[in-house]
Amino acid sequence: MSGGGGRRTILNRAITIVLLAMALDLTGHAAVCAAGPATAAPRDRIVLQTERIDSTHWEVIVWLDNHQMLAAMTLPFRWGHGHSPFMIDSASYNGLRTEYFALKTFFPDSAGHTVLIGLISDLGAGLPPLEPGSGPIARLCFTSRTPTSRPLLLDTTFITPHNTLQIVTPDVRAITPEFDSGIRDAVKPPRH
C-alpha cells in the first residue's frame, strides 16, 4: 500500500471538518434569522455643550449618556488646531454625576491646545461605579486672551502614550462611545 491512502484519509477528515463547520455556521445563521432582526444595543455617548459666558470666558459641559455601569473614563480633547486664542483654566465636577469619583485628573496643555481628563470611580474605598443614566460629568472653563466672538470648538483626540476617548466598565471592558462635539450648538449668545 502506498502513502496515498493516508493522504486521502487526512483529506477526507479535513473536508468533513470544513463541512461540519459550514453546517454549524449555517445553523447559527438560521437561528438568528428565525429570531428576527437583531435590535442594536443602545450606544453610550459623550456630548459637548459649549456656552460663551462673556467675551473672554467660555464653559464646556461634558455630558455622558451611558447604558451600563462605568468604572473609569479617559476624555482627551483638543481645540484650535494649533492656533487658538483659548486657554483652559480648570475642570470642575461639583454637583455632577462624577463628583464622588475617587480620582479626577486634569492634564491641560494650553500650548498644544489639548486637555486630558481621567476619571476613576473607586481606588479601593468601596465607591460604586457610575450608574446608567444621562447628565453632565465634567465642566471645563476656558479663557480667551482677548475678547472674541469666535466660537470655542472642541473635538476628541489622541494624547500619548495611549489616551483615546474611552469609557470602561467594572469588568474592565473598554468602550469607545459615540462622540458629538456640539458644533451645531457652539455659537450661543453670552449669558447676561
Protein backbone atom coordinates (compact mmCIF):
# COMPACT_ATOMS: atom_id res chain seq x y z
CA MET A 1 0.00 0.00 0.00
CA SER A 2 1.36 3.35 -0.96
CA GLY A 3 1.24 6.55 1.11
CA GLY A 4 -1.67 7.89 -0.98
CA GLY A 5 -4.32 6.21 1.19
CA GLY A 6 -3.10 8.05 4.29
CA ARG A 7 -3.25 11.36 2.46
CA ARG A 8 -6.80 10.63 1.28
CA THR A 9 -7.88 9.87 4.86
CA ILE A 10 -6.42 13.16 6.10
CA LEU A 11 -8.01 14.99 3.17
CA ASN A 12 -11.39 13.31 3.85
CA ARG A 13 -11.19 14.29 7.53
CA ALA A 14 -10.30 17.88 6.61
CA ILE A 15 -13.25 18.07 4.19
CA THR A 16 -15.56 16.62 6.86
CA ILE A 17 -14.37 19.21 9.40
CA VAL A 18 -14.89 22.07 6.92
CA LEU A 19 -18.38 20.80 6.03
CA LEU A 20 -19.30 20.47 9.72
CA ALA A 21 -18.06 23.98 10.40
CA MET A 22 -20.11 25.31 7.48
CA ALA A 23 -23.19 23.42 8.70
CA LEU A 24 -22.79 24.84 12.20
CA ASP A 25 -22.34 28.32 10.77
CA LEU A 26 -25.47 27.96 8.63
CA THR A 27 -27.40 26.60 11.61
CA GLY A 28 -26.35 29.65 13.62
CA HIS A 29 -27.46 31.97 10.83
CA ALA A 30 -30.77 30.14 10.57
CA ALA A 31 -31.36 30.56 14.31
CA VAL A 32 -30.65 34.29 14.05
CA CYS A 33 -32.96 34.64 11.05
CA ALA A 34 -35.71 32.70 12.82
CA ALA A 35 -35.43 35.01 15.81
CA GLY A 36 -35.93 38.07 13.60
CA PRO A 37 -33.73 41.08 13.05
CA ALA A 38 -31.47 41.91 15.94
CA THR A 39 -32.05 45.26 17.57
CA ALA A 40 -28.94 47.30 18.09
CA ALA A 41 -27.95 47.80 21.69
CA PRO A 42 -28.16 51.43 22.75
CA ARG A 43 -24.82 53.21 22.34
CA ASP A 44 -23.04 55.12 25.06
CA ARG A 45 -22.44 58.70 24.02
CA ILE A 46 -20.46 61.78 25.02
CA VAL A 47 -21.80 65.19 24.00
CA LEU A 48 -20.12 68.57 24.47
CA GLN A 49 -22.20 71.64 25.17
CA THR A 50 -20.23 74.86 24.71
CA GLU A 51 -21.50 78.19 26.01
CA ARG A 52 -19.99 81.64 25.86
CA ILE A 53 -20.20 83.28 29.30
CA ASP A 54 -18.90 86.67 28.12
CA SER A 55 -16.42 87.95 25.52
CA THR A 56 -13.43 86.22 27.20
CA HIS A 57 -14.91 83.25 29.13
CA TRP A 58 -16.38 80.02 27.86
CA GLU A 59 -17.72 76.90 29.54
CA VAL A 60 -17.88 73.40 28.08
CA ILE A 61 -20.15 70.88 29.74
CA VAL A 62 -19.24 67.24 29.02
CA TRP A 63 -22.43 65.15 29.00
CA LEU A 64 -22.47 61.36 29.19
CA ASP A 65 -25.36 59.11 28.21
CA ASN A 66 -24.35 55.64 29.43
CA HIS A 67 -26.41 52.46 29.28
CA GLN A 68 -24.19 50.38 31.56
CA MET A 69 -22.27 50.86 34.77
CA LEU A 70 -18.88 52.55 34.33
CA ALA A 71 -15.75 52.43 36.47
CA ALA A 72 -13.45 54.79 34.55
CA MET A 73 -13.16 57.23 31.63
CA THR A 74 -10.47 58.92 29.58
CA LEU A 75 -11.55 62.15 27.93
CA PRO A 76 -8.89 63.66 25.64
CA PHE A 77 -9.95 66.87 23.90
CA ARG A 78 -8.29 69.39 21.58
CA TRP A 79 -9.26 72.80 20.27
CA GLY A 80 -7.91 75.39 17.87
CA HIS A 81 -5.95 73.06 15.57
CA GLY A 82 -2.65 74.50 16.81
CA HIS A 83 -3.60 78.18 16.96
CA SER A 84 -6.32 79.44 19.20
CA PRO A 85 -6.96 82.39 21.49
CA PHE A 86 -8.43 79.98 24.10
CA MET A 87 -6.66 78.57 27.14
CA ILE A 88 -8.18 76.04 29.51
CA ASP A 89 -8.35 77.25 33.11
CA SER A 90 -9.91 74.45 35.10
CA ALA A 91 -12.18 71.44 35.31
CA SER A 92 -14.94 71.06 37.87
CA TYR A 93 -17.08 68.10 38.88
CA ASN A 94 -19.09 69.72 41.72
CA GLY A 95 -22.75 68.76 41.55
CA LEU A 96 -22.15 66.50 38.55
CA ARG A 97 -22.56 62.73 38.15
CA THR A 98 -18.83 62.13 38.75
CA GLU A 99 -18.48 64.34 41.84
CA TYR A 100 -17.94 61.31 44.13
CA PHE A 101 -15.27 59.66 41.93
CA ALA A 102 -12.08 58.81 43.83
CA LEU A 103 -9.74 60.04 41.09
CA LYS A 104 -10.33 63.03 38.82
CA THR A 105 -7.24 64.03 36.86
CA PHE A 106 -6.82 67.15 34.75
CA PHE A 107 -3.78 67.49 32.47
CA PRO A 108 -4.03 70.69 30.41
CA ASP A 109 -1.62 71.63 27.65
CA SER A 110 -2.63 75.14 26.65
CA ALA A 111 0.32 75.48 24.26
CA GLY A 112 -0.72 72.27 22.49
CA HIS A 113 -4.43 73.09 22.86
CA THR A 114 -5.27 69.76 24.50
CA VAL A 115 -6.57 68.53 27.81
CA LEU A 116 -6.71 65.01 29.19
CA ILE A 117 -9.27 64.22 31.84
CA GLY A 118 -9.12 60.88 33.61
CA LEU A 119 -11.87 59.64 35.92
CA ILE A 120 -11.86 56.52 38.12
CA SER A 121 -14.80 55.80 40.41
CA ASP A 122 -13.02 53.71 43.05
CA LEU A 123 -9.45 53.19 44.25
CA GLY A 124 -10.23 50.64 46.97
CA ALA A 125 -12.58 52.66 49.19
CA GLY A 126 -15.68 50.78 48.01
CA LEU A 127 -17.15 53.63 45.94
CA PRO A 128 -19.72 52.45 43.39
CA PRO A 129 -19.34 52.62 39.63
CA LEU A 130 -21.32 55.23 37.74
CA GLU A 131 -24.88 54.03 37.28
CA PRO A 132 -26.50 54.04 33.84
CA GLY A 133 -28.02 57.42 33.11
CA SER A 134 -27.60 60.74 31.40
CA GLY A 135 -26.15 64.01 32.58
CA PRO A 136 -23.05 66.17 32.96
CA ILE A 137 -19.82 64.57 34.13
CA ALA A 138 -17.34 67.49 33.81
CA ARG A 139 -17.34 71.26 33.43
CA LEU A 140 -14.37 72.80 31.60
CA CYS A 141 -13.62 76.52 31.89
CA PHE A 142 -11.76 78.43 29.17
CA THR A 143 -10.47 81.99 28.81
CA SER A 144 -9.56 83.77 25.60
CA ARG A 145 -6.53 86.07 25.54
CA THR A 146 -8.56 88.89 24.03
CA PRO A 147 -12.29 89.44 23.64
CA THR A 148 -13.56 87.31 20.79
CA SER A 149 -16.80 86.34 19.14
CA ARG A 150 -15.15 83.23 17.65
CA PRO A 151 -16.73 80.01 18.87
CA LEU A 152 -14.75 77.60 21.02
CA LEU A 153 -14.83 74.26 19.20
CA LEU A 154 -13.54 71.06 20.82
CA ASP A 155 -13.01 67.62 19.37
CA THR A 156 -11.73 64.34 20.72
CA THR A 157 -8.11 63.45 20.06
CA PHE A 158 -5.28 61.02 20.82
CA ILE A 159 -2.86 62.02 23.59
CA THR A 160 0.29 59.97 24.11
CA PRO A 161 1.04 57.43 25.31
CA HIS A 162 -2.33 55.64 24.75
CA ASN A 163 -5.17 58.00 25.61
CA THR A 164 -8.24 57.94 23.40
CA LEU A 165 -11.87 58.66 24.18
CA GLN A 166 -12.90 55.62 26.25
CA ILE A 167 -15.24 54.54 28.97
CA VAL A 168 -14.54 51.41 30.99
CA THR A 169 -16.98 49.02 32.67
CA PRO A 170 -16.33 47.50 36.12
CA ASP A 171 -15.34 44.22 34.42
CA VAL A 172 -12.66 46.21 32.52
CA ARG A 173 -14.24 46.34 29.07
CA ALA A 174 -13.04 49.42 27.22
CA ILE A 175 -15.72 51.02 25.06
CA THR A 176 -15.36 53.84 22.56
CA PRO A 177 -18.53 55.88 22.94
CA GLU A 178 -20.18 57.87 20.21
CA PHE A 179 -18.98 61.47 20.27
CA ASP A 180 -20.88 64.67 19.49
CA SER A 181 -18.75 67.81 19.59
CA GLY A 182 -21.83 70.00 19.80
CA ILE A 183 -20.52 72.15 16.94
CA ARG A 184 -24.02 72.93 15.71
CA ASP A 185 -24.76 74.46 19.15
CA ALA A 186 -21.40 76.21 19.58
CA VAL A 187 -22.50 79.72 18.76
CA LYS A 188 -24.80 80.85 21.52
CA PRO A 189 -25.32 84.37 22.80
CA PRO A 190 -23.48 85.22 26.04
CA ARG A 191 -25.24 84.83 29.37
CA HIS A 192 -26.44 88.07 30.98
